[in-house]
């Protein structure tokens, strides 16, 4: 969750850009480029967003990162619970860390019922993705490897 859309104003360290004319600005943080690069080096990183391929087309160039694979969700708008089948298909039986601003009860049940280790990382939509969120995933991955 790169875009802290619920913040009343643009948070420190973020920039605003109108990706979709007439819809108002989206927020992004240049620091996220390094964090995304770290996570991609540590595992199989994918965009899992309703933006779909637009995440690569819009955020990728702003952050200067290469395109990432995209988890395909139903067409917008869709209930957040409908993310679960797409995430489940994308991760298969591998360990998975899922970073999201709207983990649902369906997602928590899916994570709890998996045989593979699963970490859900909730993001506050008024704050956005933070370095402690990244560090939590990296520490979790290191624990799996050790």
Protein backbone atom coordinates (compact mmCIF):
# COMPACT_ATOMS: atom_id res chain seq x y z
CA UNK A 1 0.00 0.00 0.00
CA UNK A 2 2.10 2.80 -1.31
CA UNK A 3 -0.57 5.50 -1.44
CA UNK A 4 -1.70 6.82 1.99
CA UNK A 5 -5.02 7.91 0.53
CA UNK A 6 -6.74 8.36 3.90
CA UNK A 7 -4.24 10.95 5.18
CA UNK A 8 -5.81 14.40 5.48
CA UNK A 9 -2.76 15.94 3.77
CA UNK A 10 0.31 14.67 1.98
CA UNK A 11 2.54 12.99 4.60
CA UNK A 12 6.18 14.00 5.04
CA UNK A 13 8.42 12.25 2.55
CA UNK A 14 5.61 11.71 0.04
CA UNK A 15 5.02 13.42 -3.27
CA UNK A 16 1.74 13.86 -5.09
CA UNK A 17 1.09 13.24 -8.76
CA UNK A 18 -2.14 13.12 -10.73
CA UNK A 19 -1.84 9.75 -12.46
CA UNK A 20 -5.47 9.79 -13.57
CA UNK A 21 -6.51 13.27 -14.77
CA UNK A 22 -9.53 14.60 -12.94
CA UNK A 23 -9.33 12.09 -10.08
CA UNK A 24 -6.98 14.08 -7.88
CA UNK A 25 -3.42 13.28 -6.94
CA UNK A 26 -2.08 9.95 -5.74
CA UNK A 27 0.73 9.91 -3.19
CA UNK A 28 3.99 8.04 -3.42
CA UNK A 29 7.26 8.06 -1.51
CA UNK A 30 10.62 7.95 -3.33
CA UNK A 31 12.04 5.88 -0.42
CA UNK A 32 9.77 3.03 -1.50
CA UNK A 33 12.02 2.34 -4.50
CA UNK A 34 14.79 1.02 -2.26
CA UNK A 35 12.36 -0.93 -0.10
CA UNK A 36 10.78 -2.58 -3.13
CA UNK A 37 14.24 -3.45 -4.43
CA UNK A 38 15.15 -5.02 -1.06
CA UNK A 39 12.00 -7.11 -0.93
CA UNK A 40 12.36 -8.19 -4.56
CA UNK A 41 15.91 -9.38 -3.80
CA UNK A 42 14.63 -11.34 -0.79
CA UNK A 43 11.77 -13.16 -2.52
CA UNK A 44 9.16 -13.26 -5.27
CA UNK A 45 7.66 -9.77 -5.05
CA UNK A 46 4.45 -8.92 -6.90
CA UNK A 47 2.06 -6.02 -7.15
CA UNK A 48 -1.26 -7.07 -5.60
CA UNK A 49 -3.40 -4.03 -6.24
CA UNK A 50 -6.62 -3.06 -7.91
CA UNK A 51 -4.43 -0.85 -10.11
CA UNK A 52 -3.25 -4.00 -11.89
CA UNK A 53 -0.65 -3.32 -14.58
CA UNK A 54 -1.09 0.41 -13.97
CA UNK A 55 1.10 -0.07 -10.89
CA UNK A 56 4.00 -0.84 -13.22
CA UNK A 57 3.07 1.81 -15.76
CA UNK A 58 2.51 4.61 -13.25
CA UNK A 59 4.47 3.94 -10.06
CA UNK A 60 7.35 2.07 -11.70
CA UNK A 61 8.65 5.06 -13.67
CA UNK A 62 8.10 7.48 -10.77
CA UNK A 63 10.09 5.18 -8.47
CA UNK A 64 12.63 4.10 -11.08
CA UNK A 65 12.00 0.40 -10.50
CA UNK A 66 11.62 -2.39 -13.04
CA UNK A 67 8.22 -3.91 -13.74
CA UNK A 68 7.00 -6.49 -11.24
CA UNK A 69 4.63 -9.39 -11.87
CA UNK A 70 1.02 -8.44 -11.12
CA UNK A 71 -1.59 -10.45 -9.24
CA UNK A 72 -4.77 -10.11 -11.30
CA UNK A 73 -7.85 -9.10 -9.33
CA UNK A 74 -11.44 -8.84 -10.53
CA UNK A 75 -12.38 -5.61 -12.34
CA UNK A 76 -12.88 -2.59 -10.10
CA UNK A 77 -14.86 -2.10 -7.99
CA UNK A 78 -14.80 -5.42 -6.19
CA UNK A 79 -15.23 -6.44 -2.54
CA UNK A 80 -11.85 -6.76 -0.77
CA UNK A 81 -12.63 -10.41 0.07
CA UNK A 82 -12.27 -11.19 -3.63
CA UNK A 83 -8.52 -10.58 -3.37
CA UNK A 84 -8.09 -13.86 -1.51
CA UNK A 85 -8.52 -16.30 -4.42
CA UNK A 86 -6.10 -14.31 -6.57
CA UNK A 87 -3.50 -14.12 -3.79
CA UNK A 88 -3.94 -17.82 -3.04
CA UNK A 89 -3.41 -18.71 -6.70
CA UNK A 90 -0.35 -16.47 -6.96
CA UNK A 91 1.45 -17.90 -3.92
CA UNK A 92 0.40 -21.53 -4.25
CA UNK A 93 1.92 -23.58 -1.43
CA UNK A 94 4.91 -21.26 -0.87
CA UNK A 95 5.43 -19.06 2.18
CA UNK A 96 3.83 -15.66 1.67
CA UNK A 97 3.89 -12.20 3.21
CA UNK A 98 0.88 -10.12 2.21
CA UNK A 99 1.11 -6.37 2.76
CA UNK A 100 -2.29 -4.66 2.50
CA UNK A 101 -4.35 -1.79 3.89
CA UNK A 102 -7.52 -3.88 4.00
CA UNK A 103 -6.99 -7.40 5.29
CA UNK A 104 -10.42 -8.96 5.58
CA UNK A 105 -11.71 -11.76 7.77
CA UNK A 106 -11.63 -13.97 4.66
CA UNK A 107 -7.95 -13.17 4.21
CA UNK A 108 -7.16 -13.84 7.86
CA UNK A 109 -8.96 -17.21 7.67
CA UNK A 110 -7.05 -18.10 4.51
CA UNK A 111 -3.72 -17.16 6.13
CA UNK A 112 -4.49 -19.09 9.33
CA UNK A 113 -5.55 -22.18 7.41
CA UNK A 114 -2.50 -22.44 5.18
CA UNK A 115 0.14 -25.12 5.71
CA UNK A 116 2.83 -22.74 4.42
CA UNK A 117 4.02 -19.91 6.68
CA UNK A 118 2.00 -16.77 6.06
CA UNK A 119 2.49 -13.25 7.35
CA UNK A 120 -0.20 -10.59 7.03
CA UNK A 121 1.17 -7.06 7.34
CA UNK A 122 -1.59 -4.49 7.91
CA UNK A 123 -0.97 -0.98 6.62
CA UNK A 124 -2.73 2.10 7.96
CA UNK A 125 -4.20 3.86 4.91
CA UNK A 126 -3.71 7.23 6.65
CA UNK A 127 0.01 6.54 7.20
CA UNK A 128 1.05 4.34 4.30
CA UNK A 129 3.82 1.80 4.05
CA UNK A 130 6.63 2.36 6.55
CA UNK A 131 10.18 1.11 7.02
CA UNK A 132 9.14 -0.99 10.05
CA UNK A 133 6.69 -2.82 7.75
CA UNK A 134 9.57 -3.69 5.41
CA UNK A 135 11.82 -4.70 8.30
CA UNK A 136 9.07 -6.94 9.67
CA UNK A 137 8.86 -8.83 6.36
CA UNK A 138 12.64 -9.08 6.01
CA UNK A 139 12.99 -10.40 9.59
CA UNK A 140 10.20 -12.91 8.96
CA UNK A 141 11.93 -14.11 5.78
CA UNK A 142 15.26 -14.40 7.60
CA UNK A 143 13.54 -16.51 10.26
CA UNK A 144 12.25 -18.85 7.58
CA UNK A 145 15.73 -19.23 6.10
CA UNK A 146 17.43 -19.73 9.47
